[in-house]
PDB file of N, CA and C in Angstrom:
ATOM      1  N   MET A   1       1.046  -0.713  -0.288  1.00  0.00           N
ATOM      2  CA  MET A   1      -0.134   0.205  -0.184  1.00  0.00           C
ATOM      3  C   MET A   1       0.898   1.292   0.321  1.00  0.00           C
ATOM      4  N   GLN A   2       0.732   2.184  -0.890  1.00  0.00           N
ATOM      5  CA  GLN A   2       1.642   3.345  -0.798  1.00  0.00           C
ATOM      6  C   GLN A   2       2.004   4.040   0.403  1.00  0.00           C
ATOM      7  N   PHE A   3       1.040   3.708   1.352  1.00  0.00           N
ATOM      8  CA  PHE A   3       1.449   4.208   2.788  1.00  0.00           C
ATOM      9  C   PHE A   3       2.026   3.657   3.995  1.00  0.00           C
ATOM     10  N   GLY A   4       2.140   2.101   3.349  1.00  0.00           N
ATOM     11  CA  GLY A   4       2.757   1.633   4.015  1.00  0.00           C
ATOM     12  C   GLY A   4       2.135   0.466   4.972  1.00  0.00           C
ATOM     13  N   ALA A   5       0.938   0.866   5.037  1.00  0.00           N
ATOM     14  CA  ALA A   5       0.117   0.018   6.114  1.00  0.00           C
ATOM     15  C   ALA A   5       0.299  -1.491   5.466  1.00  0.00           C
ATOM     16  N   ASP A   6       0.031  -1.938   6.641  1.00  0.00           N
ATOM     17  CA  ASP A   6       0.032  -3.666   6.336  1.00  0.00           C
ATOM     18  C   ASP A   6      -1.250  -4.217   6.720  1.00  0.00           C
ATOM     19  N   GLY A   7      -2.457  -3.522   7.358  1.00  0.00           N
ATOM     20  CA  GLY A   7      -3.706  -4.051   7.423  1.00  0.00           C
ATOM     21  C   GLY A   7      -4.549  -2.728   7.991  1.00  0.00           C
ATOM     22  N   ILE A   8      -5.888  -2.902   7.719  1.00  0.00           N
ATOM     23  CA  ILE A   8      -6.520  -1.818   8.343  1.00  0.00           C
ATOM     24  C   ILE A   8      -7.685  -2.402   9.650  1.00  0.00           C
ATOM     25  N   TRP A   9      -7.289  -1.687  11.023  1.00  0.00           N
ATOM     26  CA  TRP A   9      -8.304  -2.278  11.974  1.00  0.00           C
ATOM     27  C   TRP A   9      -9.684  -1.551  11.965  1.00  0.00           C
ATOM     28  N   VAL A  10     -10.629  -2.480  12.185  1.00  0.00           N
ATOM     29  CA  VAL A  10     -11.659  -1.509  12.344  1.00  0.00           C
ATOM     30  C   VAL A  10     -12.100  -1.846  13.227  1.00  0.00           C
ATOM     31  N   SER A  11     -12.696  -0.862  14.463  1.00  0.00           N
ATOM     32  CA  SER A  11     -12.822  -0.683  15.273  1.00  0.00           C
ATOM     33  C   SER A  11     -13.497   0.421  16.280  1.00  0.00           C
ATOM     34  N   ASN A  12     -14.078   0.009  17.462  1.00  0.00           N
ATOM     35  CA  ASN A  12     -14.786   1.358  18.069  1.00  0.00           C
ATOM     36  C   ASN A  12     -14.301   1.385  19.188  1.00  0.00           C
ATOM     37  N   HIS A  13     -13.206   0.976  19.818  1.00  0.00           N
ATOM     38  CA  HIS A  13     -12.384   1.075  20.718  1.00  0.00           C
ATOM     39  C   HIS A  13     -12.612   2.469  21.423  1.00  0.00           C
ATOM     40  N   GLY A  14     -12.927   2.993  22.127  1.00  0.00           N
ATOM     41  CA  GLY A  14     -12.946   4.480  22.074  1.00  0.00           C
ATOM     42  C   GLY A  14     -14.103   5.106  22.174  1.00  0.00           C
ATOM     43  N   GLY A  15     -15.073   4.301  21.483  1.00  0.00           N
ATOM     44  CA  GLY A  15     -16.031   4.825  20.670  1.00  0.00           C
ATOM     45  C   GLY A  15     -17.120   5.511  21.659  1.00  0.00           C
ATOM     46  N   ARG A  16     -16.812   5.370  23.322  1.00  0.00           N
ATOM     47  CA  ARG A  16     -17.670   6.404  23.851  1.00  0.00           C
ATOM     48  C   ARG A  16     -17.534   7.471  24.304  1.00  0.00           C
ATOM     49  N   GLN A  17     -15.931   7.985  23.832  1.00  0.00           N
ATOM     50  CA  GLN A  17     -15.643   9.338  23.947  1.00  0.00           C
ATOM     51  C   GLN A  17     -15.964  10.147  22.938  1.00  0.00           C
ATOM     52  N   LEU A  18     -16.214   9.359  21.947  1.00  0.00           N
ATOM     53  CA  LEU A  18     -16.573  10.106  20.464  1.00  0.00           C
ATOM     54  C   LEU A  18     -18.098   9.909  20.101  1.00  0.00           C
ATOM     55  N   ASP A  19     -18.785  10.277  21.073  1.00  0.00           N
ATOM     56  CA  ASP A  19     -20.572  10.628  20.838  1.00  0.00           C
ATOM     57  C   ASP A  19     -21.159  10.731  19.783  1.00  0.00           C
ATOM     58  N   GLY A  20     -21.448   9.843  19.022  1.00  0.00           N
ATOM     59  CA  GLY A  20     -22.121  10.137  17.811  1.00  0.00           C
ATOM     60  C   GLY A  20     -21.596  10.057  16.528  1.00  0.00           C
ATOM     61  N   GLY A  21     -20.189   9.444  16.808  1.00  0.00           N
ATOM     62  CA  GLY A  21     -19.434   8.799  16.086  1.00  0.00           C
ATOM     63  C   GLY A  21     -20.150   7.727  15.217  1.00  0.00           C
ATOM     64  N   PRO A  22     -19.672   7.316  13.545  1.00  0.00           N
ATOM     65  CA  PRO A  22     -20.492   6.072  13.204  1.00  0.00           C
ATOM     66  C   PRO A  22     -20.151   4.936  13.739  1.00  0.00           C
ATOM     67  N   ALA A  23     -21.130   3.898  13.761  1.00  0.00           N
ATOM     68  CA  ALA A  23     -20.708   2.580  14.260  1.00  0.00           C
ATOM     69  C   ALA A  23     -19.938   1.784  13.673  1.00  0.00           C
ATOM     70  N   SER A  24     -18.765   1.107  14.047  1.00  0.00           N
ATOM     71  CA  SER A  24     -17.653   0.522  13.302  1.00  0.00           C
ATOM     72  C   SER A  24     -18.468  -0.588  11.878  1.00  0.00           C
ATOM     73  N   PHE A  25     -19.317  -1.316  12.907  1.00  0.00           N
ATOM     74  CA  PHE A  25     -20.326  -2.100  11.571  1.00  0.00           C
ATOM     75  C   PHE A  25     -20.824  -1.332  10.416  1.00  0.00           C
ATOM     76  N   ASP A  26     -21.305  -0.328  10.604  1.00  0.00           N
ATOM     77  CA  ASP A  26     -21.974   0.322   9.673  1.00  0.00           C
ATOM     78  C   ASP A  26     -20.902   1.094   8.659  1.00  0.00           C
ATOM     79  N   VAL A  27     -19.539   1.515   8.919  1.00  0.00           N
ATOM     80  CA  VAL A  27     -18.762   2.113   8.020  1.00  0.00           C
ATOM     81  C   VAL A  27     -17.741   0.510   7.364  1.00  0.00           C
ATOM     82  N   LEU A  28     -18.234  -0.240   8.121  1.00  0.00           N
ATOM     83  CA  LEU A  28     -17.162  -1.788   7.445  1.00  0.00           C
ATOM     84  C   LEU A  28     -17.284  -1.764   5.978  1.00  0.00           C
ATOM     85  N   PRO A  29     -18.660  -2.187   5.391  1.00  0.00           N
ATOM     86  CA  PRO A  29     -18.421  -2.416   4.062  1.00  0.00           C
ATOM     87  C   PRO A  29     -17.732  -1.070   3.409  1.00  0.00           C
ATOM     88  N   GLN A  30     -18.104   0.088   3.119  1.00  0.00           N
ATOM     89  CA  GLN A  30     -17.220   1.283   2.475  1.00  0.00           C
ATOM     90  C   GLN A  30     -15.692   1.343   3.082  1.00  0.00           C
ATOM     91  N   ILE A  31     -15.070   0.841   4.325  1.00  0.00           N
ATOM     92  CA  ILE A  31     -13.994   0.553   4.386  1.00  0.00           C
ATOM     93  C   ILE A  31     -13.291  -0.407   3.311  1.00  0.00           C
ATOM     94  N   ALA A  32     -13.818  -1.621   3.374  1.00  0.00           N
ATOM     95  CA  ALA A  32     -13.682  -2.603   2.761  1.00  0.00           C
ATOM     96  C   ALA A  32     -13.393  -2.218   1.094  1.00  0.00           C
ATOM     97  N   GLN A  33     -14.742  -1.724   0.755  1.00  0.00           N
ATOM     98  CA  GLN A  33     -14.418  -1.297  -0.660  1.00  0.00           C
ATOM     99  C   GLN A  33     -13.690  -0.501  -0.907  1.00  0.00           C
ATOM    100  N   VAL A  34     -12.830   0.648  -0.173  1.00  0.00           N
ATOM    101  CA  VAL A  34     -12.120   1.341  -0.578  1.00  0.00           C
ATOM    102  C   VAL A  34     -10.938   0.644  -0.680  1.00  0.00           C
ATOM    103  N   VAL A  35     -10.618  -0.287   0.063  1.00  0.00           N
ATOM    104  CA  VAL A  35      -9.250  -0.996   0.653  1.00  0.00           C
ATOM    105  C   VAL A  35      -9.251  -2.062  -0.104  1.00  0.00           C
ATOM    106  N   ARG A  36     -10.171  -2.487  -1.027  1.00  0.00           N
ATOM    107  CA  ARG A  36     -10.011  -3.546  -2.390  1.00  0.00           C
ATOM    108  C   ARG A  36      -9.122  -4.887  -2.122  1.00  0.00           C
ATOM    109  N   LYS A  37      -8.886  -5.495  -1.250  1.00  0.00           N
ATOM    110  CA  LYS A  37      -8.390  -6.431  -0.816  1.00  0.00           C
ATOM    111  C   LYS A  37      -6.822  -6.087  -1.074  1.00  0.00           C
ATOM    112  N   ARG A  38      -6.369  -4.561  -0.865  1.00  0.00           N
ATOM    113  CA  ARG A  38      -4.614  -4.720  -1.104  1.00  0.00           C
ATOM    114  C   ARG A  38      -4.162  -4.729   0.320  1.00  0.00           C
ATOM    115  N   VAL A  39      -4.733  -5.072   1.517  1.00  0.00           N
ATOM    116  CA  VAL A  39      -4.461  -5.060   2.932  1.00  0.00           C
ATOM    117  C   VAL A  39      -5.637  -5.990   3.769  1.00  0.00           C
ATOM    118  N   PRO A  40      -5.500  -6.931   4.442  1.00  0.00           N
ATOM    119  CA  PRO A  40      -6.770  -7.386   5.738  1.00  0.00           C
ATOM    120  C   PRO A  40      -7.319  -5.992   6.193  1.00  0.00           C
ATOM    121  N   VAL A  41      -8.634  -6.609   5.810  1.00  0.00           N
ATOM    122  CA  VAL A  41      -9.260  -5.736   6.637  1.00  0.00           C
ATOM    123  C   VAL A  41      -9.783  -6.638   7.755  1.00  0.00           C
ATOM    124  N   ILE A  42      -9.337  -6.029   9.305  1.00  0.00           N
ATOM    125  CA  ILE A  42      -9.731  -6.719  10.485  1.00  0.00           C
ATOM    126  C   ILE A  42     -10.979  -5.809  11.675  1.00  0.00           C
ATOM    127  N   PHE A  43     -11.574  -7.074  11.754  1.00  0.00           N
ATOM    128  CA  PHE A  43     -12.878  -6.545  12.328  1.00  0.00           C
ATOM    129  C   PHE A  43     -13.010  -6.567  14.148  1.00  0.00           C
ATOM    130  N   ASP A  44     -13.090  -5.716  14.634  1.00  0.00           N
ATOM    131  CA  ASP A  44     -13.371  -6.154  16.034  1.00  0.00           C
ATOM    132  C   ASP A  44     -14.217  -5.438  17.152  1.00  0.00           C
ATOM    133  N   SER A  45     -15.101  -5.108  16.717  1.00  0.00           N
ATOM    134  CA  SER A  45     -16.069  -4.555  17.617  1.00  0.00           C
ATOM    135  C   SER A  45     -17.616  -5.112  17.912  1.00  0.00           C
ATOM    136  N   GLY A  46     -17.500  -5.489  19.515  1.00  0.00           N
ATOM    137  CA  GLY A  46     -18.882  -5.981  19.571  1.00  0.00           C
ATOM    138  C   GLY A  46     -19.224  -7.408  18.855  1.00  0.00           C
ATOM    139  N   ILE A  47     -18.102  -8.156  18.817  1.00  0.00           N
ATOM    140  CA  ILE A  47     -18.468  -9.904  18.281  1.00  0.00           C
ATOM    141  C   ILE A  47     -18.746 -10.475  19.581  1.00  0.00           C
ATOM    142  N   ARG A  48     -19.950 -11.013  19.729  1.00  0.00           N
ATOM    143  CA  ARG A  48     -20.230 -11.973  20.761  1.00  0.00           C
ATOM    144  C   ARG A  48     -20.985 -13.037  20.754  1.00  0.00           C
ATOM    145  N   ARG A  49     -20.924 -13.006  19.307  1.00  0.00           N
ATOM    146  CA  ARG A  49     -21.986 -14.603  18.700  1.00  0.00           C
ATOM    147  C   ARG A  49     -21.202 -14.988  17.071  1.00  0.00           C
ATOM    148  N   GLY A  50     -21.534 -16.160  16.725  1.00  0.00           N
ATOM    149  CA  GLY A  50     -20.762 -16.873  15.678  1.00  0.00           C
ATOM    150  C   GLY A  50     -21.762 -15.894  14.495  1.00  0.00           C
ATOM    151  N   GLU A  51     -23.115 -15.676  14.664  1.00  0.00           N
ATOM    152  CA  GLU A  51     -23.570 -14.882  13.865  1.00  0.00           C
ATOM    153  C   GLU A  51     -23.166 -13.481  13.428  1.00  0.00           C
ATOM    154  N   HIS A  52     -22.534 -12.869  14.551  1.00  0.00           N
ATOM    155  CA  HIS A  52     -21.708 -11.395  14.282  1.00  0.00           C
ATOM    156  C   HIS A  52     -20.158 -11.973  13.667  1.00  0.00           C
ATOM    157  N   VAL A  53     -19.837 -12.921  13.848  1.00  0.00           N
ATOM    158  CA  VAL A  53     -18.428 -13.284  12.582  1.00  0.00           C
ATOM    159  C   VAL A  53     -19.196 -13.351  11.527  1.00  0.00           C
ATOM    160  N   PHE A  54     -19.918 -13.850  11.396  1.00  0.00           N
ATOM    161  CA  PHE A  54     -20.587 -14.274   9.763  1.00  0.00           C
ATOM    162  C   PHE A  54     -20.924 -12.428   9.219  1.00  0.00           C
ATOM    163  N   LYS A  55     -21.579 -11.826   9.810  1.00  0.00           N
ATOM    164  CA  LYS A  55     -22.203 -10.407   9.202  1.00  0.00           C
ATOM    165  C   LYS A  55     -20.834  -9.821   8.955  1.00  0.00           C
ATOM    166  N   ALA A  56     -19.931  -9.932   9.846  1.00  0.00           N
ATOM    167  CA  ALA A  56     -18.756  -9.074   9.494  1.00  0.00           C
ATOM    168  C   ALA A  56     -17.814  -9.708   8.662  1.00  0.00           C
ATOM    169  N   LEU A  57     -17.484 -10.921   8.406  1.00  0.00           N
ATOM    170  CA  LEU A  57     -16.941 -11.494   7.002  1.00  0.00           C
ATOM    171  C   LEU A  57     -17.778 -11.052   5.764  1.00  0.00           C
ATOM    172  N   ALA A  58     -19.224 -11.382   5.926  1.00  0.00           N
ATOM    173  CA  ALA A  58     -19.734 -10.693   4.813  1.00  0.00           C
ATOM    174  C   ALA A  58     -19.660  -9.363   4.335  1.00  0.00           C
ATOM    175  N   CYS A  59     -19.878  -8.501   5.262  1.00  0.00           N
ATOM    176  CA  CYS A  59     -19.303  -7.134   5.049  1.00  0.00           C
ATOM    177  C   CYS A  59     -18.119  -6.759   4.898  1.00  0.00           C
ATOM    178  N   GLY A  60     -17.078  -7.398   4.257  1.00  0.00           N
ATOM    179  CA  GLY A  60     -15.915  -7.104   4.271  1.00  0.00           C
ATOM    180  C   GLY A  60     -14.643  -7.387   5.152  1.00  0.00           C
ATOM    181  N   ALA A  61     -15.076  -7.774   6.095  1.00  0.00           N
ATOM    182  CA  ALA A  61     -13.798  -8.160   7.196  1.00  0.00           C
ATOM    183  C   ALA A  61     -13.449  -9.496   6.402  1.00  0.00           C
ATOM    184  N   ASP A  62     -11.938  -9.508   6.570  1.00  0.00           N
ATOM    185  CA  ASP A  62     -11.152 -10.525   6.108  1.00  0.00           C
ATOM    186  C   ASP A  62     -10.588 -11.499   7.444  1.00  0.00           C
ATOM    187  N   ILE A  63     -10.248 -10.555   8.161  1.00  0.00           N
ATOM    188  CA  ILE A  63     -10.370 -11.183   9.709  1.00  0.00           C
ATOM    189  C   ILE A  63     -11.357 -10.627  10.357  1.00  0.00           C
ATOM    190  N   VAL A  64     -11.651 -11.725  11.635  1.00  0.00           N
ATOM    191  CA  VAL A  64     -12.598 -10.954  12.901  1.00  0.00           C
ATOM    192  C   VAL A  64     -12.209 -11.207  13.873  1.00  0.00           C
ATOM    193  N   ALA A  65     -11.736 -10.125  14.903  1.00  0.00           N
ATOM    194  CA  ALA A  65     -11.300 -10.372  16.181  1.00  0.00           C
ATOM    195  C   ALA A  65     -11.813 -10.551  17.624  1.00  0.00           C
ATOM    196  N   ILE A  66     -11.861 -11.522  18.294  1.00  0.00           N
ATOM    197  CA  ILE A  66     -13.126 -11.716  19.528  1.00  0.00           C
ATOM    198  C   ILE A  66     -11.939 -11.308  20.585  1.00  0.00           C
ATOM    199  N   GLY A  67     -12.017 -10.613  21.335  1.00  0.00           N
ATOM    200  CA  GLY A  67     -11.775  -9.835  22.290  1.00  0.00           C
ATOM    201  C   GLY A  67     -12.524 -10.412  23.534  1.00  0.00           C
ATOM    202  N   ARG A  68     -13.422  -9.673  23.835  1.00  0.00           N
ATOM    203  CA  ARG A  68     -14.510  -9.840  25.083  1.00  0.00           C
ATOM    204  C   ARG A  68     -14.677 -11.369  25.186  1.00  0.00           C
ATOM    205  N   PRO A  69     -15.266 -11.928  24.533  1.00  0.00           N
ATOM    206  CA  PRO A  69     -15.706 -13.421  25.177  1.00  0.00           C
ATOM    207  C   PRO A  69     -14.595 -13.967  25.374  1.00  0.00           C
ATOM    208  N   ILE A  70     -13.060 -13.650  25.020  1.00  0.00           N
ATOM    209  CA  ILE A  70     -12.106 -14.928  25.039  1.00  0.00           C
ATOM    210  C   ILE A  70     -11.620 -14.264  26.427  1.00  0.00           C
ATOM    211  N   ILE A  71     -11.490 -13.034  26.564  1.00  0.00           N
ATOM    212  CA  ILE A  71     -11.426 -12.955  28.042  1.00  0.00           C
ATOM    213  C   ILE A  71     -12.106 -13.618  28.843  1.00  0.00           C
ATOM    214  N   TYR A  72     -12.963 -13.064  28.905  1.00  0.00           N
ATOM    215  CA  TYR A  72     -14.576 -13.906  30.114  1.00  0.00           C
ATOM    216  C   TYR A  72     -13.886 -15.196  29.861  1.00  0.00           C
ATOM    217  N   GLY A  73     -13.642 -16.011  28.924  1.00  0.00           N
ATOM    218  CA  GLY A  73     -13.547 -17.274  29.013  1.00  0.00           C
ATOM    219  C   GLY A  73     -12.371 -17.565  29.824  1.00  0.00           C
ATOM    220  N   LEU A  74     -11.119 -17.095  29.665  1.00  0.00           N
ATOM    221  CA  LEU A  74     -10.077 -17.480  29.926  1.00  0.00           C
ATOM    222  C   LEU A  74     -10.307 -16.890  31.614  1.00  0.00           C
ATOM    223  N   TYR A  75     -11.159 -16.133  32.111  1.00  0.00           N
ATOM    224  CA  TYR A  75     -11.061 -15.718  33.440  1.00  0.00           C
ATOM    225  C   TYR A  75     -12.359 -16.669  34.290  1.00  0.00           C
ATOM    226  N   LEU A  76     -13.351 -17.114  33.448  1.00  0.00           N
ATOM    227  CA  LEU A  76     -14.313 -18.227  34.270  1.00  0.00           C
ATOM    228  C   LEU A  76     -13.318 -19.680  33.863  1.00  0.00           C
ATOM    229  N   GLY A  77     -12.817 -20.023  33.075  1.00  0.00           N
ATOM    230  CA  GLY A  77     -12.288 -21.371  32.984  1.00  0.00           C
ATOM    231  C   GLY A  77     -10.975 -21.488  32.664  1.00  0.00           C
ATOM    232  N   GLY A  78      -9.882 -20.780  32.575  1.00  0.00           N
ATOM    233  CA  GLY A  78      -8.595 -20.727  31.907  1.00  0.00           C
ATOM    234  C   GLY A  78      -8.474 -20.958  30.504  1.00  0.00           C
ATOM    235  N   ALA A  79      -7.431 -21.496  29.970  1.00  0.00           N
ATOM    236  CA  ALA A  79      -7.271 -22.264  28.642  1.00  0.00           C
ATOM    237  C   ALA A  79      -8.672 -22.826  28.741  1.00  0.00           C
ATOM    238  N   ALA A  80      -9.207 -24.242  28.914  1.00  0.00           N
ATOM    239  CA  ALA A  80     -10.193 -24.881  28.640  1.00  0.00           C
ATOM    240  C   ALA A  80     -11.229 -23.792  28.292  1.00  0.00           C
ATOM    241  N   GLY A  81     -11.266 -22.702  29.090  1.00  0.00           N
ATOM    242  CA  GLY A  81     -12.791 -21.774  29.235  1.00  0.00           C
ATOM    243  C   GLY A  81     -12.651 -21.177  27.632  1.00  0.00           C
ATOM    244  N   VAL A  82     -11.423 -20.663  27.503  1.00  0.00           N
ATOM    245  CA  VAL A  82     -11.232 -20.202  26.019  1.00  0.00           C
ATOM    246  C   VAL A  82     -11.474 -21.001  24.746  1.00  0.00           C
ATOM    247  N   THR A  83     -10.914 -22.252  25.172  1.00  0.00           N
ATOM    248  CA  THR A  83     -11.196 -23.535  24.042  1.00  0.00           C
ATOM    249  C   THR A  83     -12.891 -23.663  24.189  1.00  0.00           C
ATOM    250  N   SER A  84     -13.869 -23.355  25.202  1.00  0.00           N
ATOM    251  CA  SER A  84     -15.156 -23.372  25.228  1.00  0.00           C
ATOM    252  C   SER A  84     -15.342 -22.395  24.342  1.00  0.00           C
ATOM    253  N   VAL A  85     -15.450 -21.011  24.485  1.00  0.00           N
ATOM    254  CA  VAL A  85     -15.740 -19.963  23.459  1.00  0.00           C
ATOM    255  C   VAL A  85     -15.391 -20.214  22.135  1.00  0.00           C
ATOM    256  N   PHE A  86     -13.897 -20.560  21.969  1.00  0.00           N
ATOM    257  CA  PHE A  86     -13.942 -20.621  20.519  1.00  0.00           C
ATOM    258  C   PHE A  86     -14.810 -21.745  19.699  1.00  0.00           C
ATOM    259  N   GLU A  87     -15.324 -22.821  20.365  1.00  0.00           N
ATOM    260  CA  GLU A  87     -15.821 -23.867  19.870  1.00  0.00           C
ATOM    261  C   GLU A  87     -17.154 -23.587  19.867  1.00  0.00           C
ATOM    262  N   HIS A  88     -17.565 -22.921  20.772  1.00  0.00           N
ATOM    263  CA  HIS A  88     -19.281 -22.254  20.881  1.00  0.00           C
ATOM    264  C   HIS A  88     -19.482 -21.322  19.348  1.00  0.00           C
ATOM    265  N   LEU A  89     -18.472 -20.768  19.254  1.00  0.00           N
ATOM    266  CA  LEU A  89     -18.605 -18.998  18.185  1.00  0.00           C
ATOM    267  C   LEU A  89     -18.594 -20.039  16.894  1.00  0.00           C
ATOM    268  N   ASN A  90     -17.317 -20.946  16.673  1.00  0.00           N
ATOM    269  CA  ASN A  90     -17.714 -21.962  15.544  1.00  0.00           C
ATOM    270  C   ASN A  90     -18.718 -22.639  15.464  1.00  0.00           C
ATOM    271  N   LYS A  91     -19.868 -23.344  16.706  1.00  0.00           N
ATOM    272  CA  LYS A  91     -20.808 -23.784  16.378  1.00  0.00           C
ATOM    273  C   LYS A  91     -21.793 -22.642  15.977  1.00  0.00           C
ATOM    274  N   GLU A  92     -21.648 -21.766  16.396  1.00  0.00           N
ATOM    275  CA  GLU A  92     -23.079 -20.847  16.026  1.00  0.00           C
ATOM    276  C   GLU A  92     -22.275 -20.602  14.686  1.00  0.00           C
ATOM    277  N   LEU A  93     -21.313 -20.067  14.360  1.00  0.00           N
ATOM    278  CA  LEU A  93     -21.607 -19.753  13.035  1.00  0.00           C
ATOM    279  C   LEU A  93     -21.730 -21.078  12.179  1.00  0.00           C
ATOM    280  N   ALA A  94     -21.268 -22.341  12.251  1.00  0.00           N
ATOM    281  CA  ALA A  94     -21.595 -23.319  11.249  1.00  0.00           C
ATOM    282  C   ALA A  94     -23.009 -23.266  11.322  1.00  0.00           C
ATOM    283  N   ILE A  95     -23.912 -22.972  12.248  1.00  0.00           N
ATOM    284  CA  ILE A  95     -25.120 -22.717  11.965  1.00  0.00           C
ATOM    285  C   ILE A  95     -25.552 -21.866  10.951  1.00  0.00           C
ATOM    286  N   THR A  96     -25.469 -20.549  11.387  1.00  0.00           N
ATOM    287  CA  THR A  96     -25.273 -19.434  10.620  1.00  0.00           C
ATOM    288  C   THR A  96     -25.228 -19.543   8.827  1.00  0.00           C
ATOM    289  N   MET A  97     -24.014 -20.458   8.802  1.00  0.00           N
ATOM    290  CA  MET A  97     -23.816 -20.320   7.187  1.00  0.00           C
ATOM    291  C   MET A  97     -24.562 -21.350   7.030  1.00  0.00           C
ATOM    292  N   GLN A  98     -24.924 -22.529   7.694  1.00  0.00           N
ATOM    293  CA  GLN A  98     -26.152 -23.558   7.223  1.00  0.00           C
ATOM    294  C   GLN A  98     -27.368 -23.082   6.547  1.00  0.00           C
ATOM    295  N   LEU A  99     -27.751 -22.021   7.781  1.00  0.00           N
ATOM    296  CA  LEU A  99     -29.037 -21.494   7.716  1.00  0.00           C
ATOM    297  C   LEU A  99     -29.033 -20.290   6.119  1.00  0.00           C
ATOM    298  N   ALA A 100     -27.662 -19.899   5.523  1.00  0.00           N
ATOM    299  CA  ALA A 100     -27.330 -19.185   4.999  1.00  0.00           C
ATOM    300  C   ALA A 100     -27.346 -19.812   3.450  1.00  0.00           C
ATOM    301  N   GLY A 101     -27.284 -20.841   3.805  1.00  0.00           N
ATOM    302  CA  GLY A 101     -26.497 -21.449   2.459  1.00  0.00           C
ATOM    303  C   GLY A 101     -25.261 -21.576   2.157  1.00  0.00           C
ATOM    304  N   THR A 102     -24.291 -21.235   2.968  1.00  0.00           N
ATOM    305  CA  THR A 102     -23.088 -20.750   2.705  1.00  0.00           C
ATOM    306  C   THR A 102     -22.238 -22.264   3.178  1.00  0.00           C
ATOM    307  N   LYS A 103     -21.327 -22.644   2.182  1.00  0.00           N
ATOM    308  CA  LYS A 103     -20.846 -23.763   2.804  1.00  0.00           C
ATOM    309  C   LYS A 103     -19.240 -23.535   3.513  1.00  0.00           C
ATOM    310  N   THR A 104     -18.912 -22.414   2.867  1.00  0.00           N
ATOM    311  CA  THR A 104     -17.122 -21.743   2.672  1.00  0.00           C
ATOM    312  C   THR A 104     -17.028 -20.375   3.471  1.00  0.00           C
ATOM    313  N   ILE A 105     -16.410 -20.166   3.996  1.00  0.00           N
ATOM    314  CA  ILE A 105     -16.160 -18.649   4.514  1.00  0.00           C
ATOM    315  C   ILE A 105     -15.826 -17.673   3.121  1.00  0.00           C
ATOM    316  N   ALA A 106     -14.988 -18.703   1.882  1.00  0.00           N
ATOM    317  CA  ALA A 106     -15.691 -17.649   0.913  1.00  0.00           C
ATOM    318  C   ALA A 106     -16.917 -17.271   0.274  1.00  0.00           C
ATOM    319  N   ALA A 107     -17.697 -18.224   0.331  1.00  0.00           N
ATOM    320  CA  ALA A 107     -19.450 -17.728  -0.037  1.00  0.00           C
ATOM    321  C   ALA A 107     -19.645 -17.011   1.059  1.00  0.00           C
ATOM    322  N   VAL A 108     -19.085 -17.000   2.529  1.00  0.00           N
ATOM    323  CA  VAL A 108     -19.716 -16.117   3.424  1.00  0.00           C
ATOM    324  C   VAL A 108     -19.480 -14.353   2.755  1.00  0.00           C
ATOM    325  N   LYS A 109     -18.161 -14.782   2.465  1.00  0.00           N
ATOM    326  CA  LYS A 109     -17.711 -13.316   1.740  1.00  0.00           C
ATOM    327  C   LYS A 109     -18.465 -12.748   0.545  1.00  0.00           C
ATOM    328  N   GLU A 110     -18.582 -13.338   0.039  1.00  0.00           N
ATOM    329  CA  GLU A 110     -19.401 -13.166  -1.175  1.00  0.00           C
ATOM    330  C   GLU A 110     -21.345 -12.821  -0.967  1.00  0.00           C
ATOM    331  N   THR A 111     -21.630 -13.171   0.351  1.00  0.00           N
ATOM    332  CA  THR A 111     -23.115 -12.751   0.870  1.00  0.00           C
ATOM    333  C   THR A 111     -23.571 -11.325   0.981  1.00  0.00           C
ATOM    334  N   SER A 112     -24.479 -11.107   0.679  1.00  0.00           N
ATOM    335  CA  SER A 112     -24.818  -9.751   0.474  1.00  0.00           C
ATOM    336  C   SER A 112     -25.802  -9.589   1.805  1.00  0.00           C
ATOM    337  N   LEU A 113     -25.466  -8.524   3.109  1.00  0.00           N
ATOM    338  CA  LEU A 113     -26.695  -8.994   3.697  1.00  0.00           C
ATOM    339  C   LEU A 113     -27.581  -7.726   3.395  1.00  0.00           C
ATOM    340  N   ILE A 114     -27.209  -7.049   2.276  1.00  0.00           N
ATOM    341  CA  ILE A 114     -28.481  -5.753   2.036  1.00  0.00           C
ATOM    342  C   ILE A 114     -29.033  -6.211   0.538  1.00  0.00           C
ATOM    343  N   ASP A 115     -30.253  -5.816   0.479  1.00  0.00           N
ATOM    344  CA  ASP A 115     -30.517  -6.776  -1.326  1.00  0.00           C
ATOM    345  C   ASP A 115     -30.455  -5.767  -1.617  1.00  0.00           C
TER     346      ASP A 115
END
């Protein structure tokens, strides 16, 4: 990329201090469109369920970061808790993919959430 970025991280971290700013999820498709796959787009705002992972991927994220659920899993169950969180998110993502008729992550990324 012209300015030396290796990726674009889309997050609302600190969003409470910028009252009235756009939600990260709302601007994700526009950011992905401008980036045009030149670098990875990483999204990490409010991911709590497998359905959220699906939506982020469908809206242009290449990578979905999962922070808070992992911290909760670590606190409540150590390494086993973290494993449990990943397993649960993967199960929810698989169910969402089945309901949407997508068999692969590539197919999810081609899914349009807007008519």
